C-alpha atoms as a PDB file:
ATOM      1  CA  MET A   1       7.975   5.594  24.990  1.00  0.00           C
ATOM      2  CA  ARG A   2       5.449   8.383  24.448  1.00  0.00           C
ATOM      3  CA  LEU A   3       7.778  10.252  22.086  1.00  0.00           C
ATOM      4  CA  GLY A   4       8.417   7.086  20.085  1.00  0.00           C
ATOM      5  CA  SER A   5       4.687   6.377  19.905  1.00  0.00           C
ATOM      6  CA  LEU A   6       4.055   9.948  18.709  1.00  0.00           C
ATOM      7  CA  TRP A   7       6.557   9.591  15.867  1.00  0.00           C
ATOM      8  CA  VAL A   8       5.041   6.262  14.854  1.00  0.00           C
ATOM      9  CA  HIS A   9       1.569   7.789  14.719  1.00  0.00           C
ATOM     10  CA  LEU A  10       2.814  10.762  12.726  1.00  0.00           C
ATOM     11  CA  LEU A  11       4.484   8.480  10.200  1.00  0.00           C
ATOM     12  CA  LEU A  12       1.311   6.386   9.900  1.00  0.00           C
ATOM     13  CA  ILE A  13      -0.807   9.501   9.391  1.00  0.00           C
ATOM     14  CA  MET A  14       1.553  10.766   6.690  1.00  0.00           C
ATOM     15  CA  ALA A  15       1.518   7.377   4.961  1.00  0.00           C
ATOM     16  CA  SER A  16      -2.276   7.287   5.067  1.00  0.00           C
ATOM     17  CA  LEU A  17      -2.530  10.794   3.612  1.00  0.00           C
ATOM     18  CA  LEU A  18      -0.055   9.881   0.876  1.00  0.00           C
ATOM     19  CA  VAL A  19      -2.116   6.823  -0.098  1.00  0.00           C
ATOM     20  CA  ALA A  20      -5.390   8.773   0.044  1.00  0.00           C
ATOM     21  CA  PHE A  21      -4.051  11.809  -1.846  1.00  0.00           C
ATOM     22  CA  PRO A  22      -4.900  10.593  -5.404  1.00  0.00           C
ATOM     23  CA  LEU A  23      -8.461   9.779  -4.348  1.00  0.00           C
ATOM     24  CA  LEU A  24      -8.843  13.144  -2.644  1.00  0.00           C
ATOM     25  CA  VAL A  25      -7.563  14.966  -5.747  1.00  0.00           C
ATOM     26  CA  ALA A  26      -9.940  12.953  -7.949  1.00  0.00           C
ATOM     27  CA  PHE A  27     -12.886  13.905  -5.754  1.00  0.00           C
ATOM     28  CA  ILE A  28     -11.903  17.593  -5.745  1.00  0.00           C
ATOM     29  CA  PHE A  29     -11.532  17.633  -9.548  1.00  0.00           C
ATOM     30  CA  SER A  30     -14.890  15.870  -9.893  1.00  0.00           C
ATOM     31  CA  THR A  31     -16.564  18.977  -8.467  1.00  0.00           C
ATOM     32  CA  GLN A  32     -14.847  21.449 -10.794  1.00  0.00           C
ATOM     33  CA  THR A  33     -15.486  22.782 -14.279  1.00  0.00           C
ATOM     34  CA  PRO A  34     -12.761  22.524 -16.969  1.00  0.00           C
ATOM     35  CA  ALA A  35     -11.895  26.180 -16.408  1.00  0.00           C
ATOM     36  CA  GLU A  36     -11.431  25.576 -12.686  1.00  0.00           C
ATOM     37  CA  ILE A  37      -9.316  22.456 -13.276  1.00  0.00           C
ATOM     38  CA  PHE A  38      -6.893  24.158 -15.687  1.00  0.00           C
ATOM     39  CA  ARG A  39      -6.649  27.484 -13.926  1.00  0.00           C
ATOM     40  CA  TYR A  40      -3.240  28.700 -12.788  1.00  0.00           C
ATOM     41  CA  PRO A  41      -2.362  28.508 -10.007  1.00  0.00           C
ATOM     42  CA  PRO A  42      -4.465  25.338  -9.478  1.00  0.00           C
ATOM     43  CA  LYS A  43      -7.217  25.446  -6.904  1.00  0.00           C
ATOM     44  CA  PHE A  44      -7.180  22.355  -4.710  1.00  0.00           C
ATOM     45  CA  TRP A  45     -10.620  22.948  -3.296  1.00  0.00           C
ATOM     46  CA  PHE A  46     -14.179  22.007  -4.159  1.00  0.00           C
ATOM     47  CA  GLY A  47     -15.559  23.610  -7.310  1.00  0.00           C
ATOM     48  CA  SER A  48     -18.966  24.750  -8.503  1.00  0.00           C
ATOM     49  CA  ALA A  49     -19.945  21.778 -10.696  1.00  0.00           C
ATOM     50  CA  LEU A  50     -20.427  18.987  -8.167  1.00  0.00           C
ATOM     51  CA  TRP A  51     -24.126  18.363  -8.835  1.00  0.00           C
ATOM     52  CA  ASP A  52     -23.837  18.953 -12.582  1.00  0.00           C
ATOM     53  CA  ASN A  53     -20.891  16.586 -13.070  1.00  0.00           C
ATOM     54  CA  TYR A  54     -22.331  13.692 -11.095  1.00  0.00           C
ATOM     55  CA  THR A  55     -25.794  14.078 -12.627  1.00  0.00           C
ATOM     56  CA  ARG A  56     -24.453  14.137 -16.196  1.00  0.00           C
ATOM     57  CA  VAL A  57     -22.203  11.131 -15.622  1.00  0.00           C
ATOM     58  CA  TRP A  58     -25.099   9.108 -14.219  1.00  0.00           C
ATOM     59  CA  THR A  59     -27.695   9.991 -16.858  1.00  0.00           C
ATOM     60  CA  GLU A  60     -26.080  11.353 -20.013  1.00  0.00           C
ATOM     61  CA  PHE A  61     -23.198   8.837 -20.106  1.00  0.00           C
ATOM     62  CA  ASN A  62     -25.206   5.826 -18.774  1.00  0.00           C
ATOM     63  CA  LEU A  63     -22.882   5.145 -15.849  1.00  0.00           C
ATOM     64  CA  GLY A  64     -25.828   3.775 -13.870  1.00  0.00           C
ATOM     65  CA  LEU A  65     -26.464   1.124 -16.541  1.00  0.00           C
ATOM     66  CA  TYR A  66     -22.797   0.116 -16.655  1.00  0.00           C
ATOM     67  CA  MET A  67     -22.648  -0.144 -12.874  1.00  0.00           C
ATOM     68  CA  LYS A  68     -25.751  -2.336 -12.861  1.00  0.00           C
ATOM     69  CA  ASN A  69     -24.121  -4.687 -15.371  1.00  0.00           C
ATOM     70  CA  SER A  70     -20.893  -4.797 -13.342  1.00  0.00           C
ATOM     71  CA  ALA A  71     -22.861  -5.493 -10.166  1.00  0.00           C
ATOM     72  CA  ILE A  72     -24.720  -8.411 -11.779  1.00  0.00           C
ATOM     73  CA  VAL A  73     -21.498  -9.926 -13.095  1.00  0.00           C
ATOM     74  CA  ALA A  74     -19.496  -9.339  -9.901  1.00  0.00           C
ATOM     75  CA  VAL A  75     -22.163 -10.794  -7.593  1.00  0.00           C
ATOM     76  CA  ALA A  76     -22.792 -13.810  -9.846  1.00  0.00           C
ATOM     77  CA  VAL A  77     -19.084 -14.620 -10.158  1.00  0.00           C
ATOM     78  CA  THR A  78     -18.458 -14.066  -6.449  1.00  0.00           C
ATOM     79  CA  VAL A  79     -21.260 -16.417  -5.390  1.00  0.00           C
ATOM     80  CA  GLY A  80     -20.529 -19.026  -8.053  1.00  0.00           C
ATOM     81  CA  LYS A  81     -16.771 -19.015  -7.615  1.00  0.00           C
ATOM     82  CA  THR A  82     -17.030 -19.245  -3.826  1.00  0.00           C
ATOM     83  CA  ALA A  83     -19.432 -22.195  -4.046  1.00  0.00           C
ATOM     84  CA  ILE A  84     -17.323 -24.064  -6.618  1.00  0.00           C
ATOM     85  CA  SER A  85     -14.101 -23.453  -4.684  1.00  0.00           C
ATOM     86  CA  PHE A  86     -15.786 -24.648  -1.486  1.00  0.00           C
ATOM     87  CA  LEU A  87     -16.946 -27.894  -3.108  1.00  0.00           C
ATOM     88  CA  ALA A  88     -13.601 -28.455  -4.845  1.00  0.00           C
ATOM     89  CA  ALA A  89     -11.738 -28.107  -1.552  1.00  0.00           C
ATOM     90  CA  LEU A  90     -14.258 -30.425   0.092  1.00  0.00           C
ATOM     91  CA  ALA A  91     -13.467 -33.108  -2.493  1.00  0.00           C
ATOM     92  CA  LEU A  92      -9.694 -32.602  -2.207  1.00  0.00           C
ATOM     93  CA  VAL A  93      -9.662 -32.894   1.578  1.00  0.00           C
ATOM     94  CA  TYR A  94     -12.409 -35.375   2.509  1.00  0.00           C
ATOM     95  CA  PHE A  95     -12.842 -37.642  -0.524  1.00  0.00           C
ATOM     96  CA  ARG A  96     -10.562 -40.444  -1.624  1.00  0.00           C
ATOM     97  CA  MET A  97      -9.464 -40.220  -5.242  1.00  0.00           C
ATOM     98  CA  PRO A  98      -6.431 -41.326  -7.239  1.00  0.00           C
ATOM     99  CA  LEU A  99      -3.690 -38.738  -7.762  1.00  0.00           C
ATOM    100  CA  LYS A 100      -5.397 -36.269  -5.435  1.00  0.00           C
ATOM    101  CA  GLY A 101      -2.131 -34.484  -4.699  1.00  0.00           C
ATOM    102  CA  ALA A 102      -1.320 -34.163  -8.397  1.00  0.00           C
ATOM    103  CA  VAL A 103      -4.766 -32.724  -9.063  1.00  0.00           C
ATOM    104  CA  PHE A 104      -4.242 -30.102  -6.374  1.00  0.00           C
ATOM    105  CA  TRP A 105      -0.844 -29.074  -7.765  1.00  0.00           C
ATOM    106  CA  PHE A 106      -2.317 -28.876 -11.251  1.00  0.00           C
ATOM    107  CA  ILE A 107      -4.987 -26.511  -9.892  1.00  0.00           C
ATOM    108  CA  LEU A 108      -2.276 -24.334  -8.347  1.00  0.00           C
ATOM    109  CA  LEU A 109      -0.365 -24.266 -11.649  1.00  0.00           C
ATOM    110  CA  THR A 110      -3.347 -22.577 -13.290  1.00  0.00           C
ATOM    111  CA  LEU A 111      -2.470 -19.493 -11.224  1.00  0.00           C
ATOM    112  CA  MET A 112       0.384 -18.975 -13.684  1.00  0.00           C
ATOM    113  CA  MET A 113      -2.061 -18.712 -16.596  1.00  0.00           C
ATOM    114  CA  PRO A 114      -3.875 -15.362 -16.457  1.00  0.00           C
ATOM    115  CA  THR A 115      -6.883 -14.760 -18.658  1.00  0.00           C
ATOM    116  CA  GLU A 116      -4.920 -12.417 -20.919  1.00  0.00           C
ATOM    117  CA  ILE A 117      -2.770 -15.200 -22.390  1.00  0.00           C
ATOM    118  CA  MET A 118      -5.844 -17.288 -23.212  1.00  0.00           C
ATOM    119  CA  ILE A 119      -7.986 -14.455 -24.481  1.00  0.00           C
ATOM    120  CA  VAL A 120      -7.860 -15.376 -28.187  1.00  0.00           C
ATOM    121  CA  ALA A 121      -8.825 -19.011 -27.619  1.00  0.00           C
ATOM    122  CA  LEU A 122     -11.424 -17.982 -25.056  1.00  0.00           C
ATOM    123  CA  PHE A 123     -12.913 -15.451 -27.469  1.00  0.00           C
ATOM    124  CA  GLU A 124     -13.242 -18.080 -30.211  1.00  0.00           C
ATOM    125  CA  LEU A 125     -14.819 -20.563 -27.807  1.00  0.00           C
ATOM    126  CA  VAL A 126     -17.329 -18.129 -26.324  1.00  0.00           C
ATOM    127  CA  SER A 127     -18.242 -16.676 -29.726  1.00  0.00           C
ATOM    128  CA  GLY A 128     -18.581 -20.166 -31.203  1.00  0.00           C
ATOM    129  CA  ILE A 129     -21.256 -21.193 -28.695  1.00  0.00           C
ATOM    130  CA  GLY A 130     -23.176 -17.952 -29.185  1.00  0.00           C
ATOM    131  CA  TRP A 131     -22.464 -16.296 -25.858  1.00  0.00           C
ATOM    132  CA  ALA A 132     -21.000 -13.059 -27.227  1.00  0.00           C
ATOM    133  CA  ASN A 133     -22.690  -9.881 -25.936  1.00  0.00           C
ATOM    134  CA  SER A 134     -24.245 -11.744 -23.002  1.00  0.00           C
ATOM    135  CA  TYR A 135     -23.854 -11.964 -19.251  1.00  0.00           C
ATOM    136  CA  ALA A 136     -22.831 -15.616 -19.654  1.00  0.00           C
ATOM    137  CA  ALA A 137     -19.691 -14.538 -21.523  1.00  0.00           C
ATOM    138  CA  LEU A 138     -18.721 -12.321 -18.590  1.00  0.00           C
ATOM    139  CA  ILE A 139     -19.595 -14.804 -15.847  1.00  0.00           C
ATOM    140  CA  VAL A 140     -18.924 -18.426 -16.849  1.00  0.00           C
ATOM    141  CA  PRO A 141     -15.192 -18.131 -17.788  1.00  0.00           C
ATOM    142  CA  PHE A 142     -14.418 -16.808 -14.288  1.00  0.00           C
ATOM    143  CA  LEU A 143     -16.274 -19.351 -12.151  1.00  0.00           C
ATOM    144  CA  ALA A 144     -13.222 -21.514 -11.361  1.00  0.00           C
ATOM    145  CA  SER A 145     -10.652 -20.287  -8.852  1.00  0.00           C
ATOM    146  CA  ALA A 146      -7.363 -21.887  -7.853  1.00  0.00           C
ATOM    147  CA  THR A 147      -6.902 -19.259  -5.136  1.00  0.00           C
ATOM    148  CA  GLY A 148     -10.291 -19.989  -3.616  1.00  0.00           C
ATOM    149  CA  THR A 149      -9.701 -23.732  -3.714  1.00  0.00           C
ATOM    150  CA  PHE A 150      -6.362 -23.265  -1.959  1.00  0.00           C
ATOM    151  CA  LEU A 151      -7.835 -21.043   0.769  1.00  0.00           C
ATOM    152  CA  PHE A 152     -10.695 -23.436   1.536  1.00  0.00           C
ATOM    153  CA  ARG A 153      -8.376 -26.451   1.440  1.00  0.00           C
ATOM    154  CA  GLN A 154      -6.112 -24.846   4.025  1.00  0.00           C
ATOM    155  CA  GLN A 155      -9.144 -24.069   6.175  1.00  0.00           C
ATOM    156  CA  PHE A 156     -10.576 -27.594   5.993  1.00  0.00           C
ATOM    157  CA  ARG A 157      -7.255 -29.277   6.789  1.00  0.00           C
ATOM    158  CA  GLN A 158      -7.205 -27.564  10.184  1.00  0.00           C
ATOM    159  CA  ILE A 159     -10.661 -28.728  11.252  1.00  0.00           C
ATOM    160  CA  PRO A 160     -10.312 -31.444  13.930  1.00  0.00           C
ATOM    161  CA  ARG A 161     -10.656 -34.976  12.666  1.00  0.00           C
ATOM    162  CA  SER A 162     -12.935 -35.714  15.612  1.00  0.00           C
ATOM    163  CA  LEU A 163     -15.672 -33.623  13.991  1.00  0.00           C
ATOM    164  CA  VAL A 164     -15.453 -35.720  10.844  1.00  0.00           C
ATOM    165  CA  ASP A 165     -15.559 -38.957  12.830  1.00  0.00           C
ATOM    166  CA  ALA A 166     -18.549 -37.737  14.837  1.00  0.00           C
ATOM    167  CA  ALA A 167     -20.382 -36.838  11.636  1.00  0.00           C
ATOM    168  CA  LEU A 168     -19.661 -40.285  10.179  1.00  0.00           C
ATOM    169  CA  ILE A 169     -20.952 -41.992  13.333  1.00  0.00           C
ATOM    170  CA  ASP A 170     -24.150 -39.917  13.207  1.00  0.00           C
ATOM    171  CA  GLY A 171     -24.662 -40.825   9.554  1.00  0.00           C
ATOM    172  CA  VAL A 172     -24.301 -37.257   8.304  1.00  0.00           C
ATOM    173  CA  GLY A 173     -23.783 -37.051   4.546  1.00  0.00           C
ATOM    174  CA  PRO A 174     -21.058 -34.999   2.856  1.00  0.00           C
ATOM    175  CA  LEU A 175     -23.315 -32.119   1.827  1.00  0.00           C
ATOM    176  CA  ARG A 176     -24.974 -31.914   5.247  1.00  0.00           C
ATOM    177  CA  PHE A 177     -21.529 -31.958   6.896  1.00  0.00           C
ATOM    178  CA  ALA A 178     -20.351 -29.218   4.550  1.00  0.00           C
ATOM    179  CA  TRP A 179     -23.418 -27.047   5.202  1.00  0.00           C
ATOM    180  CA  SER A 180     -23.745 -27.547   8.962  1.00  0.00           C
ATOM    181  CA  VAL A 181     -20.101 -27.838  10.040  1.00  0.00           C
ATOM    182  CA  LEU A 182     -17.625 -26.649   7.426  1.00  0.00           C
ATOM    183  CA  LEU A 183     -19.472 -23.559   6.222  1.00  0.00           C
ATOM    184  CA  PRO A 184     -20.043 -21.961   9.668  1.00  0.00           C
ATOM    185  CA  MET A 185     -16.381 -22.595  10.531  1.00  0.00           C
ATOM    186  CA  SER A 186     -15.185 -21.052   7.258  1.00  0.00           C
ATOM    187  CA  MET A 187     -17.042 -17.745   7.227  1.00  0.00           C
ATOM    188  CA  ASN A 188     -13.823 -15.716   7.442  1.00  0.00           C
ATOM    189  CA  THR A 189     -12.502 -17.479   4.335  1.00  0.00           C
ATOM    190  CA  VAL A 190     -15.844 -16.950   2.594  1.00  0.00           C
ATOM    191  CA  ALA A 191     -15.689 -13.230   3.373  1.00  0.00           C
ATOM    192  CA  ALA A 192     -12.090 -13.013   2.134  1.00  0.00           C
ATOM    193  CA  MET A 193     -13.104 -14.723  -1.100  1.00  0.00           C
ATOM    194  CA  ALA A 194     -16.082 -12.396  -1.477  1.00  0.00           C
ATOM    195  CA  VAL A 195     -13.944  -9.266  -1.195  1.00  0.00           C
ATOM    196  CA  ILE A 196     -11.206 -10.530  -3.510  1.00  0.00           C
ATOM    197  CA  GLU A 197     -13.546 -11.760  -6.234  1.00  0.00           C
ATOM    198  CA  PHE A 198     -15.981  -8.842  -6.111  1.00  0.00           C
ATOM    199  CA  VAL A 199     -13.206  -6.278  -6.473  1.00  0.00           C
ATOM    200  CA  TYR A 200     -11.494  -8.368  -9.171  1.00  0.00           C
ATOM    201  CA  MET A 201     -14.652  -8.677 -11.261  1.00  0.00           C
ATOM    202  CA  TRP A 202     -15.674  -5.060 -10.664  1.00  0.00           C
ATOM    203  CA  ASN A 203     -12.348  -3.964 -12.168  1.00  0.00           C
ATOM    204  CA  GLN A 204     -12.562  -6.204 -15.243  1.00  0.00           C
ATOM    205  CA  TYR A 205     -11.682  -4.268 -18.397  1.00  0.00           C
ATOM    206  CA  LEU A 206      -9.910  -6.237 -21.125  1.00  0.00           C
ATOM    207  CA  TRP A 207     -12.243  -9.233 -21.454  1.00  0.00           C
ATOM    208  CA  PRO A 208     -15.490  -7.181 -21.470  1.00  0.00           C
ATOM    209  CA  LEU A 209     -13.909  -4.823 -23.997  1.00  0.00           C
ATOM    210  CA  VAL A 210     -13.198  -7.771 -26.310  1.00  0.00           C
ATOM    211  CA  ILE A 211     -16.361  -9.860 -25.962  1.00  0.00           C
ATOM    212  CA  ILE A 212     -19.084  -7.227 -25.463  1.00  0.00           C
ATOM    213  CA  ARG A 213     -20.052  -5.037 -28.397  1.00  0.00           C
ATOM    214  CA  GLU A 214     -23.433  -3.766 -27.208  1.00  0.00           C
ATOM    215  CA  GLY A 215     -23.577  -0.855 -24.784  1.00  0.00           C
ATOM    216  CA  GLU A 216     -26.512  -2.388 -22.898  1.00  0.00           C
ATOM    217  CA  ARG A 217     -24.273  -5.216 -21.602  1.00  0.00           C
ATOM    218  CA  GLN A 218     -21.067  -3.253 -21.084  1.00  0.00           C
ATOM    219  CA  VAL A 219     -19.411  -2.943 -17.673  1.00  0.00           C
ATOM    220  CA  VAL A 220     -18.376   0.124 -15.719  1.00  0.00           C
ATOM    221  CA  GLN A 221     -14.620   0.099 -16.382  1.00  0.00           C
ATOM    222  CA  VAL A 222     -15.176   0.080 -20.142  1.00  0.00           C
ATOM    223  CA  GLY A 223     -17.896   2.677 -19.582  1.00  0.00           C
ATOM    224  CA  LEU A 224     -15.338   4.990 -18.005  1.00  0.00           C
ATOM    225  CA  ARG A 225     -13.108   4.582 -21.056  1.00  0.00           C
ATOM    226  CA  MET A 226     -16.067   5.350 -23.313  1.00  0.00           C
ATOM    227  CA  LEU A 227     -16.710   8.447 -21.222  1.00  0.00           C
ATOM    228  CA  THR A 228     -13.324   9.903 -22.168  1.00  0.00           C
ATOM    229  CA  SER A 229     -13.676   9.000 -25.848  1.00  0.00           C
ATOM    230  CA  GLY A 230     -17.282  10.173 -26.090  1.00  0.00           C
ATOM    231  CA  GLN A 231     -16.441  13.850 -25.601  1.00  0.00           C
ATOM    232  CA  ASP A 232     -15.126  16.257 -28.219  1.00  0.00           C
ATOM    233  CA  ALA A 233     -12.950  17.891 -25.579  1.00  0.00           C
ATOM    234  CA  THR A 234     -12.397  15.769 -22.511  1.00  0.00           C
ATOM    235  CA  ASN A 235     -14.064  17.223 -19.437  1.00  0.00           C
ATOM    236  CA  TRP A 236     -11.866  15.812 -16.695  1.00  0.00           C
ATOM    237  CA  GLY A 237     -14.368  16.854 -14.072  1.00  0.00           C
ATOM    238  CA  LEU A 238     -16.852  14.378 -15.587  1.00  0.00           C
ATOM    239  CA  VAL A 239     -14.179  11.703 -15.855  1.00  0.00           C
ATOM    240  CA  MET A 240     -13.184  12.106 -12.214  1.00  0.00           C
ATOM    241  CA  ALA A 241     -16.838  12.076 -11.158  1.00  0.00           C
ATOM    242  CA  GLY A 242     -17.319   8.797 -13.011  1.00  0.00           C
ATOM    243  CA  ALA A 243     -14.197   7.315 -11.422  1.00  0.00           C
ATOM    244  CA  VAL A 244     -15.338   8.298  -7.916  1.00  0.00           C
ATOM    245  CA  VAL A 245     -18.822   6.838  -8.423  1.00  0.00           C
ATOM    246  CA  ALA A 246     -17.399   3.635  -9.924  1.00  0.00           C
ATOM    247  CA  LEU A 247     -15.119   3.230  -6.906  1.00  0.00           C
ATOM    248  CA  LEU A 248     -17.892   3.310  -4.315  1.00  0.00           C
ATOM    249  CA  PRO A 249     -19.401  -0.227  -4.583  1.00  0.00           C
ATOM    250  CA  ALA A 250     -16.039  -1.980  -4.300  1.00  0.00           C
ATOM    251  CA  LEU A 251     -15.073   0.334  -1.432  1.00  0.00           C
ATOM    252  CA  VAL A 252     -18.320  -0.402   0.418  1.00  0.00           C
ATOM    253  CA  VAL A 253     -17.839  -4.164   0.052  1.00  0.00           C
ATOM    254  CA  PHE A 254     -14.268  -3.893   1.317  1.00  0.00           C
ATOM    255  CA  LEU A 255     -15.250  -1.759   4.317  1.00  0.00           C
ATOM    256  CA  LEU A 256     -18.084  -4.119   5.273  1.00  0.00           C
ATOM    257  CA  LEU A 257     -15.905  -7.230   5.120  1.00  0.00           C
ATOM    258  CA  GLN A 258     -12.443  -5.891   5.956  1.00  0.00           C
ATOM    259  CA  GLU A 259     -12.337  -7.497   9.405  1.00  0.00           C
ATOM    260  CA  GLN A 260     -13.282 -10.927   8.063  1.00  0.00           C
ATOM    261  CA  LEU A 261     -10.828 -10.433   5.187  1.00  0.00           C
ATOM    262  CA  GLY A 262      -7.973  -9.855   7.614  1.00  0.00           C
ATOM    263  CA  ARG A 263      -8.961 -12.832   9.743  1.00  0.00           C
ATOM    264  CA  GLY A 264      -9.227 -15.080   6.702  1.00  0.00           C
ATOM    265  CA  PHE A 265      -5.707 -14.262   5.529  1.00  0.00           C
ATOM    266  CA  ALA A 266      -4.303 -14.494   9.051  1.00  0.00           C
ATOM    267  CA  LEU A 267      -5.771 -17.972   9.439  1.00  0.00           C
ATOM    268  CA  SER A 268      -4.478 -19.112   6.048  1.00  0.00           C
ATOM    269  CA  GLU A 269      -0.962 -17.934   6.944  1.00  0.00           C
ATOM    270  CA  GLU A 270      -1.046 -19.703  10.320  1.00  0.00           C
ATOM    271  CA  LYS A 271      -2.311 -22.901   8.745  1.00  0.00           C
ATOM    272  CA  GLY A 272       0.042 -22.828   5.793  1.00  0.00           C
END
């Protein structure tokens, strides 16, 4: 038993190191000068340009501004999408409406339509109403979520009917019931939604590249691409430093909410 457990732990450690290896290499290269990166044989150890690379990326290449824009967009979409998904699931589960099942399946079908296939029509629409080069163009098109609606619907369907009946007897309205009963019982799903949507919006690249033309409103992923094209000879130490810094907010959010994320998915699988 002990020998088997040892082998399992060794395999898990090796798998973890394999997954973490690209990030570790990126961090090591972010501390090196171009000469240190391209030396032969390569030196897989920290270099002499750690402070210089990170300072230049933050100030000279405006990475701080791009990260601020990404943070505004990611937080706004996360909060708005979670609230809209919560209310949509509330209507689908607790309100009577014609063709409610068909409406739910139609919402699920939208999962097959990624933003990329609608990008031309979406660009014309957003530009036509004057939202180009604005936060609204980055936020509003992403406020609806079929995934979030599905997760909250599965959560609400497992709440005992007795709670609903007790709320009706006490004269509690739908919004009060949602705030006082459903929300506290759905915090794991809320946390799962927060992680998924924050990371998704933080990694947005194609849509901001198309709709935003002003650097003051650009997001961090496009900023990283501009970092490589804004140098006469690409300094990969700067590029890796930018990538490491850009990774940190999403990593922090994931680490803070990873337990609730796991519980949220475990509950959705049990209730499915």
